[in-house]
Amino acid sequence: MTARSSVAILSSHGDLTSFSFDGRRIRFKTPKRLERYLDVREWDSGYLAVTARYHGLPDTEEYIDLVPILKNLYIDPDSFLSSIETVEVSYA
């Protein structure tokens, strides 16, 4: 039996952000000027503080609250987020 990972992945492509965990991926709209996420500064049960790079702007701290996004997708935030210990940026 394989151990379940506790790491979620954050990335972006075009005007969509992708958040993946345990074989599930949610995507949501982001500004078209977003080039990429650089790192996750803080993870707190659905709330992310990240460093983002926007076209023509200095790197900036952004905040993402996943709870309302999950609710809008009819995904129970508590069950989806409870096993996530860390979030990493990956563009692999």
PDB file of N, CA and C in Angstrom:
ATOM      1  N   MET A   1       0.848  -1.180   0.000  1.00  0.00           N
ATOM      2  CA  MET A   1       0.000   0.000   0.000  1.00  0.00           C
ATOM      3  C   MET A   1       0.893   1.243   0.000  1.00  0.00           C
ATOM      4  N   THR A   2       0.592   2.195  -0.866  1.00  0.00           N
ATOM      5  CA  THR A   2       1.379   3.412  -1.003  1.00  0.00           C
ATOM      6  C   THR A   2       0.868   4.475  -0.040  1.00  0.00           C
ATOM      7  N   ALA A   3       1.794   5.199   0.582  1.00  0.00           N
ATOM      8  CA  ALA A   3       1.418   6.286   1.480  1.00  0.00           C
ATOM      9  C   ALA A   3       0.820   7.430   0.670  1.00  0.00           C
ATOM     10  N   ARG A   4      -0.227   8.017   1.192  1.00  0.00           N
ATOM     11  CA  ARG A   4      -0.894   9.118   0.524  1.00  0.00           C
ATOM     12  C   ARG A   4      -0.103  10.400   0.750  1.00  0.00           C
ATOM     13  N   SER A   5       0.116  11.156  -0.300  1.00  0.00           N
ATOM     14  CA  SER A   5       0.864  12.403  -0.205  1.00  0.00           C
ATOM     15  C   SER A   5       0.024  13.462   0.498  1.00  0.00           C
ATOM     16  N   SER A   6       0.688  14.334   1.231  1.00  0.00           N
ATOM     17  CA  SER A   6       0.000  15.426   1.905  1.00  0.00           C
ATOM     18  C   SER A   6       0.357  16.770   1.267  1.00  0.00           C
ATOM     19  N   VAL A   7       0.913  16.715   0.038  1.00  0.00           N
ATOM     20  CA  VAL A   7       1.362  17.910  -0.669  1.00  0.00           C
ATOM     21  C   VAL A   7       0.415  18.212  -1.830  1.00  0.00           C
ATOM     22  N   ALA A   8      -0.068  19.438  -1.872  1.00  0.00           N
ATOM     23  CA  ALA A   8      -0.895  19.903  -2.990  1.00  0.00           C
ATOM     24  C   ALA A   8      -0.011  20.729  -3.923  1.00  0.00           C
ATOM     25  N   ILE A   9      -0.440  20.835  -5.177  1.00  0.00           N
ATOM     26  CA  ILE A   9       0.337  21.539  -6.202  1.00  0.00           C
ATOM     27  C   ILE A   9      -0.466  22.726  -6.741  1.00  0.00           C
ATOM     28  N   LEU A  10       0.197  23.870  -6.811  1.00  0.00           N
ATOM     29  CA  LEU A  10      -0.383  25.092  -7.363  1.00  0.00           C
ATOM     30  C   LEU A  10       0.381  25.463  -8.623  1.00  0.00           C
ATOM     31  N   SER A  11      -0.341  25.810  -9.682  1.00  0.00           N
ATOM     32  CA  SER A  11       0.292  26.279 -10.914  1.00  0.00           C
ATOM     33  C   SER A  11      -0.716  27.144 -11.670  1.00  0.00           C
ATOM     34  N   SER A  12      -0.276  27.669 -12.804  1.00  0.00           N
ATOM     35  CA  SER A  12      -1.176  28.464 -13.632  1.00  0.00           C
ATOM     36  C   SER A  12      -0.815  28.256 -15.093  1.00  0.00           C
ATOM     37  N   HIS A  13      -1.801  28.508 -15.947  1.00  0.00           N
ATOM     38  CA  HIS A  13      -1.593  28.457 -17.387  1.00  0.00           C
ATOM     39  C   HIS A  13      -2.600  29.405 -18.015  1.00  0.00           C
ATOM     40  N   GLY A  14      -2.075  30.423 -18.699  1.00  0.00           N
ATOM     41  CA  GLY A  14      -2.975  31.419 -19.277  1.00  0.00           C
ATOM     42  C   GLY A  14      -3.718  32.142 -18.175  1.00  0.00           C
ATOM     43  N   ASP A  15      -5.037  32.193 -18.296  1.00  0.00           N
ATOM     44  CA  ASP A  15      -5.824  32.894 -17.281  1.00  0.00           C
ATOM     45  C   ASP A  15      -6.488  31.935 -16.289  1.00  0.00           C
ATOM     46  N   LEU A  16      -5.892  30.744 -16.115  1.00  0.00           N
ATOM     47  CA  LEU A  16      -6.424  29.777 -15.159  1.00  0.00           C
ATOM     48  C   LEU A  16      -5.361  29.379 -14.143  1.00  0.00           C
ATOM     49  N   THR A  17      -5.782  29.276 -12.899  1.00  0.00           N
ATOM     50  CA  THR A  17      -4.947  28.714 -11.842  1.00  0.00           C
ATOM     51  C   THR A  17      -5.419  27.299 -11.611  1.00  0.00           C
ATOM     52  N   SER A  18      -4.470  26.415 -11.337  1.00  0.00           N
ATOM     53  CA  SER A  18      -4.768  25.011 -11.075  1.00  0.00           C
ATOM     54  C   SER A  18      -4.285  24.652  -9.679  1.00  0.00           C
ATOM     55  N   PHE A  19      -5.137  23.994  -8.907  1.00  0.00           N
ATOM     56  CA  PHE A  19      -4.793  23.508  -7.578  1.00  0.00           C
ATOM     57  C   PHE A  19      -5.111  22.023  -7.558  1.00  0.00           C
ATOM     58  N   SER A  20      -4.084  21.193  -7.375  1.00  0.00           N
ATOM     59  CA  SER A  20      -4.248  19.739  -7.463  1.00  0.00           C
ATOM     60  C   SER A  20      -3.875  19.062  -6.157  1.00  0.00           C
ATOM     61  N   PHE A  21      -4.695  18.075  -5.811  1.00  0.00           N
ATOM     62  CA  PHE A  21      -4.399  17.269  -4.627  1.00  0.00           C
ATOM     63  C   PHE A  21      -5.128  15.935  -4.715  1.00  0.00           C
ATOM     64  N   ASP A  22      -4.400  14.870  -4.428  1.00  0.00           N
ATOM     65  CA  ASP A  22      -4.969  13.526  -4.315  1.00  0.00           C
ATOM     66  C   ASP A  22      -5.791  13.134  -5.557  1.00  0.00           C
ATOM     67  N   GLY A  23      -5.252  13.432  -6.726  1.00  0.00           N
ATOM     68  CA  GLY A  23      -5.920  13.056  -7.964  1.00  0.00           C
ATOM     69  C   GLY A  23      -7.045  13.971  -8.399  1.00  0.00           C
ATOM     70  N   ARG A  24      -7.301  15.026  -7.670  1.00  0.00           N
ATOM     71  CA  ARG A  24      -8.351  15.981  -8.044  1.00  0.00           C
ATOM     72  C   ARG A  24      -7.709  17.314  -8.378  1.00  0.00           C
ATOM     73  N   ARG A  25      -8.245  17.965  -9.396  1.00  0.00           N
ATOM     74  CA  ARG A  25      -7.727  19.270  -9.798  1.00  0.00           C
ATOM     75  C   ARG A  25      -8.883  20.239  -9.932  1.00  0.00           C
ATOM     76  N   ILE A  26      -8.731  21.388  -9.288  1.00  0.00           N
ATOM     77  CA  ILE A  26      -9.707  22.454  -9.479  1.00  0.00           C
ATOM     78  C   ILE A  26      -9.003  23.578 -10.225  1.00  0.00           C
ATOM     79  N   ARG A  27      -9.745  24.224 -11.094  1.00  0.00           N
ATOM     80  CA  ARG A  27      -9.205  25.353 -11.851  1.00  0.00           C
ATOM     81  C   ARG A  27     -10.142  26.529 -11.701  1.00  0.00           C
ATOM     82  N   PHE A  28      -9.528  27.703 -11.647  1.00  0.00           N
ATOM     83  CA  PHE A  28     -10.330  28.915 -11.531  1.00  0.00           C
ATOM     84  C   PHE A  28      -9.622  30.056 -12.235  1.00  0.00           C
ATOM     85  N   LYS A  29     -10.398  31.051 -12.621  1.00  0.00           N
ATOM     86  CA  LYS A  29      -9.896  32.190 -13.392  1.00  0.00           C
ATOM     87  C   LYS A  29      -8.948  33.052 -12.577  1.00  0.00           C
ATOM     88  N   THR A  30      -7.927  33.541 -13.265  1.00  0.00           N
ATOM     89  CA  THR A  30      -6.976  34.485 -12.698  1.00  0.00           C
ATOM     90  C   THR A  30      -6.753  35.592 -13.724  1.00  0.00           C
ATOM     91  N   PRO A  31      -6.156  36.708 -13.322  1.00  0.00           N
ATOM     92  CA  PRO A  31      -5.912  37.782 -14.284  1.00  0.00           C
ATOM     93  C   PRO A  31      -5.012  37.317 -15.435  1.00  0.00           C
ATOM     94  N   LYS A  32      -5.301  37.805 -16.618  1.00  0.00           N
ATOM     95  CA  LYS A  32      -4.515  37.424 -17.806  1.00  0.00           C
ATOM     96  C   LYS A  32      -3.060  37.864 -17.697  1.00  0.00           C
ATOM     97  N   ARG A  33      -2.781  38.859 -16.885  1.00  0.00           N
ATOM     98  CA  ARG A  33      -1.400  39.353 -16.736  1.00  0.00           C
ATOM     99  C   ARG A  33      -0.537  38.457 -15.855  1.00  0.00           C
ATOM    100  N   LEU A  34      -1.161  37.478 -15.171  1.00  0.00           N
ATOM    101  CA  LEU A  34      -0.379  36.571 -14.329  1.00  0.00           C
ATOM    102  C   LEU A  34       0.533  35.721 -15.205  1.00  0.00           C
ATOM    103  N   GLU A  35       1.822  35.781 -14.928  1.00  0.00           N
ATOM    104  CA  GLU A  35       2.778  34.948 -15.660  1.00  0.00           C
ATOM    105  C   GLU A  35       2.967  33.620 -14.960  1.00  0.00           C
ATOM    106  N   ARG A  36       3.158  33.672 -13.637  1.00  0.00           N
ATOM    107  CA  ARG A  36       3.361  32.431 -12.880  1.00  0.00           C
ATOM    108  C   ARG A  36       3.401  32.727 -11.390  1.00  0.00           C
ATOM    109  N   TYR A  37       3.165  31.669 -10.628  1.00  0.00           N
ATOM    110  CA  TYR A  37       3.372  31.731  -9.191  1.00  0.00           C
ATOM    111  C   TYR A  37       4.821  31.360  -8.934  1.00  0.00           C
ATOM    112  N   LEU A  38       5.468  32.045  -8.003  1.00  0.00           N
ATOM    113  CA  LEU A  38       6.872  31.794  -7.703  1.00  0.00           C
ATOM    114  C   LEU A  38       7.056  30.913  -6.478  1.00  0.00           C
ATOM    115  N   ASP A  39       6.267  31.167  -5.431  1.00  0.00           N
ATOM    116  CA  ASP A  39       6.358  30.326  -4.238  1.00  0.00           C
ATOM    117  C   ASP A  39       5.127  30.512  -3.368  1.00  0.00           C
ATOM    118  N   VAL A  40       4.957  29.571  -2.455  1.00  0.00           N
ATOM    119  CA  VAL A  40       3.877  29.639  -1.474  1.00  0.00           C
ATOM    120  C   VAL A  40       4.505  30.127  -0.175  1.00  0.00           C
ATOM    121  N   ARG A  41       4.039  31.246   0.297  1.00  0.00           N
ATOM    122  CA  ARG A  41       4.605  31.837   1.515  1.00  0.00           C
ATOM    123  C   ARG A  41       3.904  31.309   2.760  1.00  0.00           C
ATOM    124  N   GLU A  42       2.615  30.990   2.604  1.00  0.00           N
ATOM    125  CA  GLU A  42       1.848  30.511   3.758  1.00  0.00           C
ATOM    126  C   GLU A  42       0.693  29.642   3.273  1.00  0.00           C
ATOM    127  N   TRP A  43       0.420  28.592   4.039  1.00  0.00           N
ATOM    128  CA  TRP A  43      -0.730  27.724   3.786  1.00  0.00           C
ATOM    129  C   TRP A  43      -1.464  27.581   5.105  1.00  0.00           C
ATOM    130  N   ASP A  44      -2.747  27.897   5.114  1.00  0.00           N
ATOM    131  CA  ASP A  44      -3.534  27.794   6.340  1.00  0.00           C
ATOM    132  C   ASP A  44      -4.926  27.279   6.006  1.00  0.00           C
ATOM    133  N   SER A  45      -5.041  25.976   5.869  1.00  0.00           N
ATOM    134  CA  SER A  45      -6.337  25.289   5.692  1.00  0.00           C
ATOM    135  C   SER A  45      -7.243  25.934   4.649  1.00  0.00           C
ATOM    136  N   GLY A  46      -6.716  26.152   3.480  1.00  0.00           N
ATOM    137  CA  GLY A  46      -7.514  26.710   2.392  1.00  0.00           C
ATOM    138  C   GLY A  46      -7.167  28.129   2.028  1.00  0.00           C
ATOM    139  N   TYR A  47      -6.349  28.760   2.833  1.00  0.00           N
ATOM    140  CA  TYR A  47      -5.945  30.134   2.565  1.00  0.00           C
ATOM    141  C   TYR A  47      -4.464  30.143   2.208  1.00  0.00           C
ATOM    142  N   LEU A  48      -4.150  30.692   1.052  1.00  0.00           N
ATOM    143  CA  LEU A  48      -2.777  30.743   0.554  1.00  0.00           C
ATOM    144  C   LEU A  48      -2.290  32.180   0.449  1.00  0.00           C
ATOM    145  N   ALA A  49      -1.050  32.385   0.846  1.00  0.00           N
ATOM    146  CA  ALA A  49      -0.330  33.619   0.545  1.00  0.00           C
ATOM    147  C   ALA A  49       0.796  33.187  -0.386  1.00  0.00           C
ATOM    148  N   VAL A  50       0.836  33.749  -1.583  1.00  0.00           N
ATOM    149  CA  VAL A  50       1.806  33.336  -2.595  1.00  0.00           C
ATOM    150  C   VAL A  50       2.531  34.552  -3.163  1.00  0.00           C
ATOM    151  N   THR A  51       3.696  34.299  -3.742  1.00  0.00           N
ATOM    152  CA  THR A  51       4.383  35.332  -4.512  1.00  0.00           C
ATOM    153  C   THR A  51       4.053  35.068  -5.968  1.00  0.00           C
ATOM    154  N   ALA A  52       3.581  36.097  -6.657  1.00  0.00           N
ATOM    155  CA  ALA A  52       3.166  35.949  -8.045  1.00  0.00           C
ATOM    156  C   ALA A  52       3.911  36.957  -8.918  1.00  0.00           C
ATOM    157  N   ARG A  53       4.136  36.558 -10.153  1.00  0.00           N
ATOM    158  CA  ARG A  53       4.759  37.444 -11.134  1.00  0.00           C
ATOM    159  C   ARG A  53       3.710  37.795 -12.185  1.00  0.00           C
ATOM    160  N   TYR A  54       3.516  39.102 -12.363  1.00  0.00           N
ATOM    161  CA  TYR A  54       2.589  39.616 -13.374  1.00  0.00           C
ATOM    162  C   TYR A  54       3.388  40.328 -14.449  1.00  0.00           C
ATOM    163  N   HIS A  55       2.925  40.242 -15.667  1.00  0.00           N
ATOM    164  CA  HIS A  55       3.598  40.889 -16.795  1.00  0.00           C
ATOM    165  C   HIS A  55       3.711  42.392 -16.550  1.00  0.00           C
ATOM    166  N   GLY A  56       4.950  42.902 -16.594  1.00  0.00           N
ATOM    167  CA  GLY A  56       5.194  44.331 -16.465  1.00  0.00           C
ATOM    168  C   GLY A  56       5.132  44.884 -15.054  1.00  0.00           C
ATOM    169  N   LEU A  57       5.002  44.021 -14.061  1.00  0.00           N
ATOM    170  CA  LEU A  57       4.902  44.485 -12.678  1.00  0.00           C
ATOM    171  C   LEU A  57       5.942  43.785 -11.816  1.00  0.00           C
ATOM    172  N   PRO A  58       6.316  44.394 -10.692  1.00  0.00           N
ATOM    173  CA  PRO A  58       7.241  43.700  -9.780  1.00  0.00           C
ATOM    174  C   PRO A  58       6.531  42.501  -9.137  1.00  0.00           C
ATOM    175  N   ASP A  59       7.316  41.520  -8.675  1.00  0.00           N
ATOM    176  CA  ASP A  59       6.731  40.372  -7.982  1.00  0.00           C
ATOM    177  C   ASP A  59       5.906  40.879  -6.807  1.00  0.00           C
ATOM    178  N   THR A  60       4.767  40.252  -6.576  1.00  0.00           N
ATOM    179  CA  THR A  60       3.847  40.743  -5.561  1.00  0.00           C
ATOM    180  C   THR A  60       3.270  39.596  -4.746  1.00  0.00           C
ATOM    181  N   GLU A  61       2.876  39.901  -3.526  1.00  0.00           N
ATOM    182  CA  GLU A  61       2.221  38.894  -2.693  1.00  0.00           C
ATOM    183  C   GLU A  61       0.734  38.888  -3.026  1.00  0.00           C
ATOM    184  N   GLU A  62       0.202  37.709  -3.252  1.00  0.00           N
ATOM    185  CA  GLU A  62      -1.211  37.515  -3.580  1.00  0.00           C
ATOM    186  C   GLU A  62      -1.828  36.595  -2.544  1.00  0.00           C
ATOM    187  N   TYR A  63      -3.135  36.662  -2.411  1.00  0.00           N
ATOM    188  CA  TYR A  63      -3.859  35.822  -1.462  1.00  0.00           C
ATOM    189  C   TYR A  63      -4.958  35.079  -2.200  1.00  0.00           C
ATOM    190  N   ILE A  64      -5.061  33.789  -1.913  1.00  0.00           N
ATOM    191  CA  ILE A  64      -6.077  32.942  -2.538  1.00  0.00           C
ATOM    192  C   ILE A  64      -6.838  32.244  -1.424  1.00  0.00           C
ATOM    193  N   ASP A  65      -8.146  32.402  -1.416  1.00  0.00           N
ATOM    194  CA  ASP A  65      -8.996  31.711  -0.451  1.00  0.00           C
ATOM    195  C   ASP A  65      -9.742  30.613  -1.208  1.00  0.00           C
ATOM    196  N   LEU A  66      -9.347  29.368  -0.972  1.00  0.00           N
ATOM    197  CA  LEU A  66      -9.937  28.243  -1.699  1.00  0.00           C
ATOM    198  C   LEU A  66     -11.325  27.842  -1.197  1.00  0.00           C
ATOM    199  N   VAL A  67     -11.668  28.194   0.025  1.00  0.00           N
ATOM    200  CA  VAL A  67     -12.938  27.731   0.599  1.00  0.00           C
ATOM    201  C   VAL A  67     -14.140  28.162  -0.243  1.00  0.00           C
ATOM    202  N   PRO A  68     -14.318  29.433  -0.592  1.00  0.00           N
ATOM    203  CA  PRO A  68     -15.481  29.784  -1.416  1.00  0.00           C
ATOM    204  C   PRO A  68     -15.420  29.168  -2.815  1.00  0.00           C
ATOM    205  N   ILE A  69     -14.231  28.982  -3.354  1.00  0.00           N
ATOM    206  CA  ILE A  69     -14.093  28.349  -4.669  1.00  0.00           C
ATOM    207  C   ILE A  69     -14.581  26.910  -4.602  1.00  0.00           C
ATOM    208  N   LEU A  70     -14.146  26.186  -3.574  1.00  0.00           N
ATOM    209  CA  LEU A  70     -14.583  24.796  -3.406  1.00  0.00           C
ATOM    210  C   LEU A  70     -16.090  24.706  -3.204  1.00  0.00           C
ATOM    211  N   LYS A  71     -16.633  25.606  -2.391  1.00  0.00           N
ATOM    212  CA  LYS A  71     -18.086  25.601  -2.156  1.00  0.00           C
ATOM    213  C   LYS A  71     -18.860  25.838  -3.452  1.00  0.00           C
ATOM    214  N   ASN A  72     -18.358  26.750  -4.288  1.00  0.00           N
ATOM    215  CA  ASN A  72     -19.021  27.012  -5.571  1.00  0.00           C
ATOM    216  C   ASN A  72     -18.979  25.803  -6.499  1.00  0.00           C
ATOM    217  N   LEU A  73     -17.991  24.929  -6.293  1.00  0.00           N
ATOM    218  CA  LEU A  73     -17.870  23.706  -7.092  1.00  0.00           C
ATOM    219  C   LEU A  73     -18.542  22.512  -6.412  1.00  0.00           C
ATOM    220  N   TYR A  74     -19.273  22.765  -5.338  1.00  0.00           N
ATOM    221  CA  TYR A  74     -19.963  21.729  -4.559  1.00  0.00           C
ATOM    222  C   TYR A  74     -19.002  20.670  -4.028  1.00  0.00           C
ATOM    223  N   ILE A  75     -17.821  21.123  -3.599  1.00  0.00           N
ATOM    224  CA  ILE A  75     -16.826  20.259  -2.962  1.00  0.00           C
ATOM    225  C   ILE A  75     -16.754  20.669  -1.501  1.00  0.00           C
ATOM    226  N   ASP A  76     -16.880  19.706  -0.606  1.00  0.00           N
ATOM    227  CA  ASP A  76     -16.808  19.993   0.825  1.00  0.00           C
ATOM    228  C   ASP A  76     -15.392  20.434   1.185  1.00  0.00           C
ATOM    229  N   PRO A  77     -15.204  21.701   1.566  1.00  0.00           N
ATOM    230  CA  PRO A  77     -13.856  22.200   1.864  1.00  0.00           C
ATOM    231  C   PRO A  77     -13.158  21.433   2.981  1.00  0.00           C
ATOM    232  N   ASP A  78     -13.886  21.085   4.032  1.00  0.00           N
ATOM    233  CA  ASP A  78     -13.262  20.398   5.160  1.00  0.00           C
ATOM    234  C   ASP A  78     -12.673  19.055   4.743  1.00  0.00           C
ATOM    235  N   SER A  79     -13.413  18.267   3.996  1.00  0.00           N
ATOM    236  CA  SER A  79     -12.892  16.950   3.608  1.00  0.00           C
ATOM    237  C   SER A  79     -11.794  17.070   2.552  1.00  0.00           C
ATOM    238  N   PHE A  80     -11.899  18.027   1.627  1.00  0.00           N
ATOM    239  CA  PHE A  80     -10.886  18.188   0.581  1.00  0.00           C
ATOM    240  C   PHE A  80      -9.577  18.735   1.148  1.00  0.00           C
ATOM    241  N   LEU A  81      -9.645  19.670   2.072  1.00  0.00           N
ATOM    242  CA  LEU A  81      -8.453  20.365   2.559  1.00  0.00           C
ATOM    243  C   LEU A  81      -7.806  19.726   3.782  1.00  0.00           C
ATOM    244  N   SER A  82      -8.518  18.871   4.486  1.00  0.00           N
ATOM    245  CA  SER A  82      -8.038  18.378   5.778  1.00  0.00           C
ATOM    246  C   SER A  82      -6.719  17.600   5.721  1.00  0.00           C
ATOM    247  N   SER A  83      -6.424  16.925   4.631  1.00  0.00           N
ATOM    248  CA  SER A  83      -5.202  16.113   4.531  1.00  0.00           C
ATOM    249  C   SER A  83      -4.012  16.871   3.935  1.00  0.00           C
ATOM    250  N   ILE A  84      -4.227  18.100   3.521  1.00  0.00           N
ATOM    251  CA  ILE A  84      -3.150  18.869   2.894  1.00  0.00           C
ATOM    252  C   ILE A  84      -2.297  19.511   3.986  1.00  0.00           C
ATOM    253  N   GLU A  85      -1.009  19.166   3.989  1.00  0.00           N
ATOM    254  CA  GLU A  85      -0.087  19.752   4.963  1.00  0.00           C
ATOM    255  C   GLU A  85       0.720  20.898   4.360  1.00  0.00           C
ATOM    256  N   THR A  86       1.074  20.781   3.086  1.00  0.00           N
ATOM    257  CA  THR A  86       1.852  21.825   2.417  1.00  0.00           C
ATOM    258  C   THR A  86       1.370  21.981   0.979  1.00  0.00           C
ATOM    259  N   VAL A  87       1.680  23.138   0.418  1.00  0.00           N
ATOM    260  CA  VAL A  87       1.368  23.413  -0.984  1.00  0.00           C
ATOM    261  C   VAL A  87       2.656  23.865  -1.645  1.00  0.00           C
ATOM    262  N   GLU A  88       2.934  23.313  -2.820  1.00  0.00           N
ATOM    263  CA  GLU A  88       4.125  23.671  -3.579  1.00  0.00           C
ATOM    264  C   GLU A  88       3.727  24.181  -4.947  1.00  0.00           C
ATOM    265  N   VAL A  89       4.545  25.071  -5.486  1.00  0.00           N
ATOM    266  CA  VAL A  89       4.363  25.547  -6.860  1.00  0.00           C
ATOM    267  C   VAL A  89       5.110  24.603  -7.768  1.00  0.00           C
ATOM    268  N   SER A  90       4.460  24.153  -8.834  1.00  0.00           N
ATOM    269  CA  SER A  90       5.117  23.274  -9.803  1.00  0.00           C
ATOM    270  C   SER A  90       4.562  23.541 -11.194  1.00  0.00           C
ATOM    271  N   TYR A  91       5.476  23.665 -12.139  1.00  0.00           N
ATOM    272  CA  TYR A  91       5.098  23.831 -13.539  1.00  0.00           C
ATOM    273  C   TYR A  91       5.640  22.684 -14.366  1.00  0.00           C
ATOM    274  N   ALA A  92       5.749  21.508 -13.776  1.00  0.00           N
ATOM    275  CA  ALA A  92       6.290  20.328 -14.463  1.00  0.00           C
ATOM    276  C   ALA A  92       5.320  19.758 -15.466  1.00  0.00           C
TER     277      ALA A  92
END
